Structure formats: structure tokens, C-alpha cells
N, C-alpha and C. Protein backbone atom coordinates (compact mmCIF):
# COMPACT_ATOMS: atom_id res chain seq x y z
N MET A 1 0.82 -1.19 0.00
CA MET A 1 0.00 0.00 0.00
C MET A 1 0.87 1.26 0.00
N GLY A 2 2.01 1.20 0.68
CA GLY A 2 2.92 2.33 0.69
C GLY A 2 3.50 2.61 -0.68
N GLN A 3 3.66 1.56 -1.48
CA GLN A 3 4.17 1.71 -2.84
C GLN A 3 3.22 2.55 -3.69
N ASP A 4 1.90 2.39 -3.48
CA ASP A 4 0.91 3.16 -4.22
C ASP A 4 1.02 4.64 -3.92
N TYR A 5 1.20 4.96 -2.62
CA TYR A 5 1.34 6.36 -2.24
C TYR A 5 2.65 6.96 -2.77
N LEU A 6 3.69 6.15 -2.78
CA LEU A 6 4.97 6.62 -3.31
C LEU A 6 4.85 6.90 -4.81
N THR A 7 4.16 6.06 -5.53
CA THR A 7 3.95 6.28 -6.96
C THR A 7 3.14 7.55 -7.20
N LEU A 8 2.10 7.75 -6.42
CA LEU A 8 1.28 8.95 -6.54
C LEU A 8 2.10 10.20 -6.21
N ALA A 9 2.91 10.13 -5.16
CA ALA A 9 3.75 11.26 -4.79
C ALA A 9 4.76 11.59 -5.89
N MET A 10 5.28 10.57 -6.53
CA MET A 10 6.22 10.80 -7.63
C MET A 10 5.54 11.50 -8.80
N PHE A 11 4.33 11.07 -9.13
CA PHE A 11 3.59 11.72 -10.22
C PHE A 11 3.31 13.18 -9.90
N VAL A 12 2.91 13.46 -8.67
CA VAL A 12 2.63 14.84 -8.27
C VAL A 12 3.91 15.67 -8.32
N LEU A 13 5.00 15.11 -7.83
CA LEU A 13 6.28 15.83 -7.83
C LEU A 13 6.76 16.11 -9.26
N VAL A 14 6.67 15.13 -10.13
CA VAL A 14 7.09 15.34 -11.52
C VAL A 14 6.18 16.38 -12.19
N GLY A 15 4.90 16.34 -11.90
CA GLY A 15 3.99 17.33 -12.46
C GLY A 15 4.32 18.74 -11.99
N LEU A 16 4.59 18.90 -10.71
CA LEU A 16 4.95 20.21 -10.18
C LEU A 16 6.28 20.71 -10.76
N LEU A 17 7.25 19.82 -10.84
CA LEU A 17 8.54 20.21 -11.41
C LEU A 17 8.42 20.58 -12.88
N PHE A 18 7.64 19.83 -13.62
CA PHE A 18 7.45 20.14 -15.04
C PHE A 18 6.78 21.50 -15.21
N SER A 19 5.76 21.77 -14.38
CA SER A 19 5.07 23.06 -14.46
C SER A 19 6.02 24.20 -14.11
N ALA A 20 6.79 24.04 -13.05
CA ALA A 20 7.74 25.08 -12.65
C ALA A 20 8.80 25.29 -13.73
N ALA A 21 9.28 24.21 -14.34
CA ALA A 21 10.28 24.33 -15.40
C ALA A 21 9.70 25.04 -16.62
N ALA A 22 8.45 24.77 -16.96
CA ALA A 22 7.83 25.43 -18.11
C ALA A 22 7.67 26.93 -17.86
N VAL A 23 7.26 27.30 -16.66
CA VAL A 23 7.11 28.72 -16.34
C VAL A 23 8.46 29.42 -16.34
N ALA A 24 9.47 28.77 -15.75
CA ALA A 24 10.81 29.36 -15.71
C ALA A 24 11.38 29.52 -17.12
N ALA A 25 11.21 28.51 -17.96
CA ALA A 25 11.72 28.60 -19.33
C ALA A 25 11.00 29.69 -20.10
N SER A 26 9.72 29.84 -19.87
CA SER A 26 8.97 30.90 -20.54
C SER A 26 9.47 32.27 -20.12
N ASN A 27 9.74 32.45 -18.84
CA ASN A 27 10.24 33.75 -18.37
C ASN A 27 11.64 34.04 -18.88
N LEU A 28 12.47 33.02 -18.99
CA LEU A 28 13.85 33.23 -19.44
C LEU A 28 13.96 33.44 -20.95
N LEU A 29 13.16 32.73 -21.72
CA LEU A 29 13.32 32.73 -23.16
C LEU A 29 12.42 33.73 -23.90
N SER A 30 11.40 34.25 -23.24
CA SER A 30 10.49 35.16 -23.94
C SER A 30 11.10 36.54 -24.09
N PRO A 31 10.90 37.17 -25.26
CA PRO A 31 11.41 38.53 -25.44
C PRO A 31 10.59 39.51 -24.61
N SER A 32 11.26 40.53 -24.13
CA SER A 32 10.56 41.52 -23.30
C SER A 32 10.86 42.91 -23.84
N ALA A 33 9.87 43.52 -24.47
CA ALA A 33 9.98 44.89 -24.98
C ALA A 33 8.65 45.57 -24.74
N PRO A 34 8.36 45.96 -23.48
CA PRO A 34 7.07 46.58 -23.21
C PRO A 34 6.92 47.93 -23.87
N SER A 35 5.70 48.23 -24.31
CA SER A 35 5.41 49.52 -24.90
C SER A 35 3.94 49.85 -24.63
N ALA A 36 3.57 51.09 -24.88
CA ALA A 36 2.18 51.50 -24.65
C ALA A 36 1.23 50.76 -25.60
N ALA A 37 1.67 50.51 -26.83
CA ALA A 37 0.81 49.82 -27.80
C ALA A 37 0.56 48.38 -27.38
N LYS A 38 1.58 47.74 -26.82
CA LYS A 38 1.40 46.35 -26.38
C LYS A 38 0.56 46.25 -25.12
N SER A 39 0.55 47.28 -24.32
CA SER A 39 -0.21 47.27 -23.07
C SER A 39 -1.66 47.67 -23.26
N SER A 40 -2.02 48.20 -24.41
CA SER A 40 -3.41 48.63 -24.61
C SER A 40 -4.31 47.42 -24.86
N THR A 41 -5.58 47.61 -24.57
CA THR A 41 -6.57 46.55 -24.76
C THR A 41 -6.93 46.45 -26.23
N TYR A 42 -6.95 45.23 -26.74
CA TYR A 42 -7.33 45.01 -28.14
C TYR A 42 -8.79 44.63 -28.19
N GLU A 43 -9.59 45.39 -28.88
CA GLU A 43 -11.03 45.19 -28.91
C GLU A 43 -11.49 45.08 -30.37
N CYS A 44 -11.16 43.99 -31.04
CA CYS A 44 -11.59 43.73 -32.41
C CYS A 44 -11.14 44.83 -33.36
N GLY A 45 -10.00 45.39 -33.15
CA GLY A 45 -9.48 46.42 -34.03
C GLY A 45 -9.97 47.81 -33.72
N SER A 46 -10.88 47.96 -32.78
CA SER A 46 -11.40 49.27 -32.40
C SER A 46 -10.77 49.70 -31.08
N LEU A 47 -10.71 50.99 -30.87
CA LEU A 47 -10.23 51.49 -29.60
C LEU A 47 -11.28 51.22 -28.53
N PRO A 48 -10.88 50.73 -27.37
CA PRO A 48 -11.86 50.44 -26.32
C PRO A 48 -12.48 51.72 -25.78
N ILE A 49 -13.76 51.62 -25.44
CA ILE A 49 -14.50 52.76 -24.90
C ILE A 49 -14.95 52.40 -23.49
N GLY A 50 -14.70 53.25 -22.56
CA GLY A 50 -15.14 53.02 -21.19
C GLY A 50 -14.14 52.23 -20.38
N SER A 51 -14.54 51.96 -19.16
CA SER A 51 -13.68 51.24 -18.22
C SER A 51 -13.69 49.74 -18.51
N PRO A 52 -12.56 49.07 -18.34
CA PRO A 52 -12.55 47.62 -18.54
C PRO A 52 -13.18 46.87 -17.37
N TRP A 53 -13.41 47.53 -16.27
CA TRP A 53 -14.01 46.88 -15.10
C TRP A 53 -15.52 46.97 -15.20
N VAL A 54 -16.14 45.86 -15.54
CA VAL A 54 -17.58 45.81 -15.71
C VAL A 54 -18.14 44.86 -14.66
N GLN A 55 -19.18 45.28 -13.98
CA GLN A 55 -19.80 44.44 -12.98
C GLN A 55 -20.92 43.63 -13.63
N PHE A 56 -20.79 42.30 -13.56
CA PHE A 56 -21.78 41.42 -14.14
C PHE A 56 -22.90 41.16 -13.14
N ARG A 57 -24.06 40.84 -13.66
CA ARG A 57 -25.19 40.51 -12.81
C ARG A 57 -24.95 39.18 -12.10
N VAL A 58 -25.51 39.05 -10.92
CA VAL A 58 -25.36 37.83 -10.13
C VAL A 58 -26.02 36.65 -10.83
N GLY A 59 -27.04 36.92 -11.65
CA GLY A 59 -27.73 35.85 -12.35
C GLY A 59 -26.82 34.99 -13.21
N TYR A 60 -25.79 35.60 -13.78
CA TYR A 60 -24.84 34.83 -14.58
C TYR A 60 -24.14 33.78 -13.72
N TYR A 61 -23.77 34.18 -12.51
CA TYR A 61 -23.06 33.26 -11.63
C TYR A 61 -23.98 32.14 -11.14
N VAL A 62 -25.25 32.46 -10.91
CA VAL A 62 -26.20 31.43 -10.49
C VAL A 62 -26.36 30.39 -11.60
N TYR A 63 -26.48 30.85 -12.84
CA TYR A 63 -26.57 29.91 -13.96
C TYR A 63 -25.30 29.07 -14.08
N ALA A 64 -24.17 29.70 -13.88
CA ALA A 64 -22.90 28.96 -13.96
C ALA A 64 -22.82 27.90 -12.87
N LEU A 65 -23.23 28.24 -11.66
CA LEU A 65 -23.19 27.27 -10.57
C LEU A 65 -24.17 26.12 -10.81
N LEU A 66 -25.35 26.44 -11.30
CA LEU A 66 -26.31 25.37 -11.59
C LEU A 66 -25.79 24.46 -12.70
N PHE A 67 -25.15 25.05 -13.70
CA PHE A 67 -24.57 24.24 -14.77
C PHE A 67 -23.49 23.32 -14.21
N LEU A 68 -22.63 23.85 -13.34
CA LEU A 68 -21.57 23.02 -12.77
C LEU A 68 -22.13 21.88 -11.93
N VAL A 69 -23.17 22.15 -11.17
CA VAL A 69 -23.77 21.10 -10.34
C VAL A 69 -24.27 19.95 -11.22
N PHE A 70 -24.97 20.28 -12.28
CA PHE A 70 -25.52 19.22 -13.12
C PHE A 70 -24.47 18.61 -14.05
N ASP A 71 -23.42 19.35 -14.32
CA ASP A 71 -22.30 18.78 -15.07
C ASP A 71 -21.56 17.76 -14.21
N ILE A 72 -21.37 18.08 -12.94
CA ILE A 72 -20.72 17.14 -12.03
C ILE A 72 -21.62 15.91 -11.82
N GLU A 73 -22.92 16.13 -11.81
CA GLU A 73 -23.83 14.99 -11.71
C GLU A 73 -23.61 14.03 -12.87
N THR A 74 -23.43 14.56 -14.05
CA THR A 74 -23.18 13.72 -15.22
C THR A 74 -21.87 12.96 -15.06
N VAL A 75 -20.88 13.62 -14.50
CA VAL A 75 -19.59 12.96 -14.29
C VAL A 75 -19.74 11.78 -13.33
N PHE A 76 -20.62 11.90 -12.33
CA PHE A 76 -20.84 10.80 -11.41
C PHE A 76 -21.75 9.72 -12.00
N LEU A 77 -22.68 10.10 -12.85
CA LEU A 77 -23.61 9.13 -13.41
C LEU A 77 -22.96 8.23 -14.46
N TYR A 78 -22.00 8.73 -15.19
CA TYR A 78 -21.41 7.95 -16.28
C TYR A 78 -20.69 6.70 -15.77
N PRO A 79 -19.77 6.81 -14.79
CA PRO A 79 -19.14 5.57 -14.31
C PRO A 79 -20.14 4.64 -13.62
N TRP A 80 -21.13 5.22 -12.96
CA TRP A 80 -22.16 4.39 -12.33
C TRP A 80 -22.90 3.58 -13.39
N ALA A 81 -23.22 4.19 -14.51
CA ALA A 81 -23.95 3.48 -15.56
C ALA A 81 -23.08 2.37 -16.16
N LEU A 82 -21.78 2.60 -16.23
CA LEU A 82 -20.91 1.56 -16.78
C LEU A 82 -20.77 0.38 -15.83
N ALA A 83 -20.79 0.63 -14.53
CA ALA A 83 -20.58 -0.44 -13.55
C ALA A 83 -21.88 -0.96 -12.96
N PHE A 84 -23.02 -0.57 -13.51
CA PHE A 84 -24.30 -0.93 -12.91
C PHE A 84 -24.52 -2.43 -12.87
N ASN A 85 -24.17 -3.15 -13.92
CA ASN A 85 -24.41 -4.60 -13.96
C ASN A 85 -23.60 -5.35 -12.91
N ARG A 86 -22.42 -4.87 -12.59
CA ARG A 86 -21.57 -5.55 -11.62
C ARG A 86 -21.93 -5.21 -10.18
N MET A 87 -22.59 -4.09 -9.95
CA MET A 87 -22.82 -3.62 -8.57
C MET A 87 -24.11 -4.16 -7.95
N GLY A 88 -25.09 -4.47 -8.72
CA GLY A 88 -26.33 -4.97 -8.15
C GLY A 88 -27.36 -3.88 -7.96
N VAL A 89 -28.45 -4.24 -7.28
CA VAL A 89 -29.58 -3.34 -7.14
C VAL A 89 -29.34 -2.28 -6.07
N SER A 90 -28.50 -2.56 -5.08
CA SER A 90 -28.28 -1.59 -4.00
C SER A 90 -27.70 -0.28 -4.52
N ILE A 91 -26.89 -0.35 -5.54
CA ILE A 91 -26.30 0.87 -6.10
C ILE A 91 -27.36 1.71 -6.81
N LEU A 92 -28.42 1.08 -7.28
CA LEU A 92 -29.52 1.80 -7.90
C LEU A 92 -30.19 2.73 -6.89
N PHE A 93 -30.39 2.24 -5.69
CA PHE A 93 -31.00 3.07 -4.65
C PHE A 93 -30.08 4.22 -4.24
N ALA A 94 -28.80 3.95 -4.16
CA ALA A 94 -27.85 5.01 -3.80
C ALA A 94 -27.84 6.12 -4.85
N MET A 95 -27.87 5.74 -6.12
CA MET A 95 -27.88 6.76 -7.17
C MET A 95 -29.22 7.46 -7.24
N ALA A 96 -30.29 6.76 -6.93
CA ALA A 96 -31.61 7.41 -6.90
C ALA A 96 -31.66 8.47 -5.80
N ILE A 97 -31.07 8.20 -4.66
CA ILE A 97 -30.99 9.19 -3.58
C ILE A 97 -30.16 10.38 -4.03
N PHE A 98 -29.04 10.14 -4.69
CA PHE A 98 -28.18 11.21 -5.19
C PHE A 98 -28.93 12.11 -6.18
N VAL A 99 -29.61 11.50 -7.13
CA VAL A 99 -30.37 12.27 -8.12
C VAL A 99 -31.53 13.00 -7.46
N PHE A 100 -32.17 12.38 -6.48
CA PHE A 100 -33.28 13.01 -5.77
C PHE A 100 -32.81 14.27 -5.04
N ILE A 101 -31.66 14.20 -4.38
CA ILE A 101 -31.13 15.37 -3.69
C ILE A 101 -30.86 16.50 -4.68
N LEU A 102 -30.31 16.18 -5.83
CA LEU A 102 -30.06 17.21 -6.84
C LEU A 102 -31.37 17.77 -7.40
N LEU A 103 -32.37 16.93 -7.57
CA LEU A 103 -33.66 17.42 -8.05
C LEU A 103 -34.33 18.32 -7.02
N VAL A 104 -34.18 18.01 -5.74
CA VAL A 104 -34.71 18.88 -4.70
C VAL A 104 -34.04 20.25 -4.78
N GLY A 105 -32.73 20.26 -5.00
CA GLY A 105 -32.01 21.53 -5.16
C GLY A 105 -32.48 22.30 -6.38
N LEU A 106 -32.75 21.60 -7.47
CA LEU A 106 -33.24 22.27 -8.68
C LEU A 106 -34.63 22.85 -8.45
N VAL A 107 -35.50 22.10 -7.80
CA VAL A 107 -36.84 22.61 -7.51
C VAL A 107 -36.76 23.82 -6.59
N TYR A 108 -35.88 23.77 -5.61
CA TYR A 108 -35.70 24.92 -4.70
C TYR A 108 -35.24 26.15 -5.48
N ALA A 109 -34.26 25.97 -6.36
CA ALA A 109 -33.77 27.10 -7.17
C ALA A 109 -34.88 27.63 -8.06
N TRP A 110 -35.69 26.75 -8.60
CA TRP A 110 -36.80 27.16 -9.46
C TRP A 110 -37.83 27.95 -8.66
N LYS A 111 -38.18 27.46 -7.48
CA LYS A 111 -39.17 28.14 -6.63
C LYS A 111 -38.66 29.50 -6.15
N GLU A 112 -37.36 29.62 -5.92
CA GLU A 112 -36.79 30.89 -5.47
C GLU A 112 -36.65 31.89 -6.62
N GLY A 113 -36.88 31.43 -7.85
CA GLY A 113 -36.79 32.33 -9.01
C GLY A 113 -35.39 32.48 -9.56
N ALA A 114 -34.48 31.58 -9.17
CA ALA A 114 -33.10 31.67 -9.64
C ALA A 114 -32.99 31.35 -11.13
N LEU A 115 -33.96 30.67 -11.70
CA LEU A 115 -33.90 30.31 -13.11
C LEU A 115 -34.62 31.28 -14.02
N GLU A 116 -35.21 32.31 -13.45
CA GLU A 116 -35.91 33.32 -14.25
C GLU A 116 -34.94 34.43 -14.63
N TRP A 117 -34.95 34.77 -15.89
CA TRP A 117 -34.07 35.83 -16.38
C TRP A 117 -34.73 37.18 -16.15
N ARG A 118 -34.09 38.00 -15.33
CA ARG A 118 -34.67 39.32 -14.99
C ARG A 118 -33.89 40.43 -15.62
């Protein structure tokens, strides 16, 4: 069992070292000639108008969070569907509870008006 953790630690260490080496190589090898033209915002060939700091409505974030919740649900349902024949009927009830909890959350969001575009 210790061998498994050692293998995992080696993969994490190699991944971190590779990432650090890529960032260091990028900083060392990239040309650096800052100018006002390079620092300006590029907006489809037009000069930008107004401040770049725009406050988005909270509704966008609610939709994004709901999308992520149901996207993660799909990630959990796919392996379950592949292993369903080997697991038996008990796993069906466990997944039904999981889906029920998510549906309760969806109904709650719907009742609160989180899905209505205002």
C-alpha cells in the first residue's frame, strides 16, 4: 500500500517540477519589450471605450453554478452506468438518492426564481 502512495507522490512531484520548469523557461526565453501599444486593450481592431471593469449581474453566476452542479452529476452518473451490472440493485437506490437530492435543489432554485431571467 505504501508503494501506491509513493507512486502517486512521484507523479505529483514530476507534475509540479514540469510546471515550474515550463514557467521558468517561458520567463527566461520570452522577449521583453514593453510599450504602450502592447499594453493597450485590443477590442476587435477598435479602440476600447469606457472602463474595462464591468460588474456582471449575479444571475450569470447562479446559472454557472447550476450548470456546474448538473455537469458534475453527469460525471458521477457515467461511471455508475458503466458499472451498474456488476454492482447490483443496492447501487440503484444510492444513485436514486443522489439524483433526488439534486432534483430537490433544482426545484428549490426554481421556486426561489433563480432560473428566471430578470
